[in-house]
Protein backbone atom coordinates (compact mmCIF):
# COMPACT_ATOMS: atom_id res chain seq x y z
CA MET A 1 0.01 0.11 0.07
CA THR A 2 2.71 2.48 1.24
CA ARG A 3 4.48 1.93 -2.71
CA ARG A 4 0.71 2.81 -4.25
CA LEU A 5 0.50 5.95 -1.86
CA ALA A 6 3.93 7.23 -2.78
CA GLU A 7 3.21 6.52 -6.75
CA VAL A 8 -0.07 8.44 -6.47
CA ALA A 9 1.53 11.13 -4.62
CA LYS A 10 3.95 11.65 -7.18
CA LYS A 11 1.77 11.37 -9.76
CA VAL A 12 -0.64 14.20 -8.30
CA GLY A 13 2.39 16.27 -6.55
CA VAL A 14 1.04 16.05 -3.27
CA SER A 15 2.12 14.10 -0.17
CA GLU A 16 1.67 10.38 0.64
CA ALA A 17 -0.41 11.64 3.80
CA THR A 18 -2.50 13.94 1.52
CA VAL A 19 -3.19 10.90 -0.40
CA SER A 20 -4.17 9.09 2.62
CA ARG A 21 -6.43 11.33 3.96
CA VAL A 22 -8.23 11.46 0.52
CA LEU A 23 -8.49 7.72 0.75
CA ASN A 24 -9.74 7.60 4.28
CA GLY A 25 -12.51 10.22 3.82
CA LYS A 26 -10.71 12.97 6.12
CA PRO A 27 -10.97 16.50 6.33
CA GLY A 28 -8.37 19.08 5.24
CA VAL A 29 -7.86 18.24 1.76
CA SER A 30 -9.37 20.91 -1.33
CA GLU A 31 -12.15 19.49 -3.47
CA ALA A 32 -9.86 19.84 -6.45
CA THR A 33 -7.03 18.29 -4.91
CA ARG A 34 -9.43 15.30 -3.77
CA GLU A 35 -10.29 14.83 -7.45
CA ALA A 36 -6.96 15.07 -8.59
CA VAL A 37 -6.10 12.03 -6.14
CA LEU A 38 -8.95 10.25 -7.18
CA THR A 39 -8.24 10.75 -10.86
CA ALA A 40 -4.57 9.38 -10.51
CA LEU A 41 -5.71 6.43 -8.97
CA ASP A 42 -7.77 5.75 -11.95
CA VAL A 43 -5.05 6.63 -14.54
CA LEU A 44 -2.47 4.49 -12.63
CA GLY A 45 -5.15 1.22 -12.45
CA TYR A 46 -5.87 1.27 -8.62
CA GLU A 47 -9.29 0.46 -7.60
CA ARG A 48 -10.74 3.17 -5.52
CA PRO A 49 -11.75 2.41 -2.06
CA THR A 50 -15.14 1.11 -1.70
CA GLN A 51 -16.62 4.36 0.23
CA LEU A 52 -15.25 6.69 -2.60
CA ARG A 53 -16.10 4.33 -5.54
CA GLY A 54 -20.07 6.07 -6.16
CA ASP A 55 -22.90 4.92 -7.95
CA ARG A 56 -21.07 4.44 -10.99
CA ALA A 57 -18.22 2.39 -9.78
CA ARG A 58 -19.86 -0.91 -11.35
CA LEU A 59 -18.65 0.40 -14.68
CA VAL A 60 -15.89 -0.71 -16.88
CA GLY A 61 -15.36 0.87 -20.22
CA LEU A 62 -15.12 -1.40 -23.32
CA VAL A 63 -12.84 0.76 -25.79
CA LEU A 64 -13.25 -1.03 -29.54
CA PRO A 65 -11.55 0.26 -32.62
CA GLU A 66 -14.19 -0.68 -34.86
CA LEU A 67 -17.37 -3.38 -34.96
CA GLN A 68 -16.58 -4.10 -38.74
CA ASN A 69 -14.36 -6.96 -37.84
CA PRO A 70 -16.23 -9.80 -36.49
CA ILE A 71 -13.47 -10.29 -33.91
CA PHE A 72 -14.37 -7.16 -31.80
CA PRO A 73 -18.41 -7.79 -31.55
CA ALA A 74 -17.47 -11.33 -30.37
CA PHE A 75 -14.95 -9.90 -27.73
CA ALA A 76 -17.56 -7.08 -26.38
CA GLU A 77 -20.03 -10.29 -25.98
CA VAL A 78 -17.26 -12.56 -24.16
CA VAL A 79 -15.98 -9.64 -21.97
CA GLY A 80 -19.29 -8.01 -21.17
CA GLY A 81 -20.57 -11.27 -20.06
CA ALA A 82 -17.09 -12.40 -17.95
CA LEU A 83 -17.86 -8.58 -16.36
CA ALA A 84 -21.57 -9.28 -15.96
CA GLN A 85 -21.14 -12.64 -13.92
CA GLN A 86 -18.66 -10.28 -11.73
CA GLY A 87 -21.30 -7.63 -11.05
CA PHE A 88 -20.01 -4.93 -13.43
CA THR A 89 -21.86 -3.51 -16.34
CA SER A 90 -19.70 -3.04 -19.67
CA VAL A 91 -19.79 0.44 -21.69
CA LEU A 92 -18.99 0.01 -25.13
CA CYS A 93 -17.01 2.92 -26.72
CA THR A 94 -16.03 2.34 -30.45
CA ARG A 95 -14.13 4.82 -32.02
CA THR A 96 -15.58 6.21 -35.47
CA VAL A 97 -13.92 7.98 -38.75
CA GLY A 98 -14.43 11.46 -37.79
CA GLY A 99 -16.32 11.06 -34.19
CA VAL A 100 -15.27 10.49 -30.74
CA SER A 101 -11.90 9.33 -30.66
CA GLU A 102 -10.42 6.76 -27.86
CA ALA A 103 -8.39 9.22 -26.31
CA ASP A 104 -11.96 11.00 -25.88
CA TYR A 105 -13.77 8.28 -24.59
CA VAL A 106 -10.94 7.53 -21.93
CA ASP A 107 -11.49 10.97 -20.48
CA LEU A 108 -15.42 10.72 -20.66
CA LEU A 109 -14.80 7.16 -18.62
CA LEU A 110 -12.61 8.72 -16.25
CA GLN A 111 -14.97 11.58 -15.71
CA GLN A 112 -17.68 8.77 -14.97
CA GLN A 113 -15.53 7.49 -12.29
CA VAL A 114 -15.42 3.83 -13.97
CA SER A 115 -13.85 0.70 -12.31
CA GLY A 116 -11.69 0.10 -15.37
CA VAL A 117 -10.86 0.22 -18.79
CA VAL A 118 -10.42 -2.76 -20.86
CA PHE A 119 -8.88 -2.12 -24.72
CA ALA A 120 -8.99 -4.25 -27.92
CA GLY A 121 -6.18 -3.04 -30.18
CA GLY A 122 -6.84 0.35 -31.52
CA HIS A 123 -5.11 3.50 -31.78
CA TYR A 124 -4.85 4.30 -27.99
CA ALA A 125 -2.21 1.48 -27.75
CA GLN A 126 -0.06 3.32 -29.90
CA ALA A 127 -0.55 6.83 -28.39
CA ASP A 128 1.95 8.47 -26.20
């Protein structure tokens, strides 16, 4: 846990004590810092503590590059079924030409405080 605290603290630019206060729901942390710590948890792939998950915590984004290739709908069906068995709801995010990009979907999913994001190929894996 200490390694995680240090990693999150470094990502946000705050002390480990501040991260601990956020994770334990303690006062004395600004709302902006609290949100930054929670976002860093999401970005680094750490699951939020139960009391901080919110209503949407059981959502998992499934980011696919397209649905024309039959492998991607099949993948979505299998992954969505496995997530449902664990009590999660998958949110399908498919990139469209001239539409919403994978990076935009990731931003949107993080704003919704999803529990995780699953990527299947695509452009996001190759992005900086």
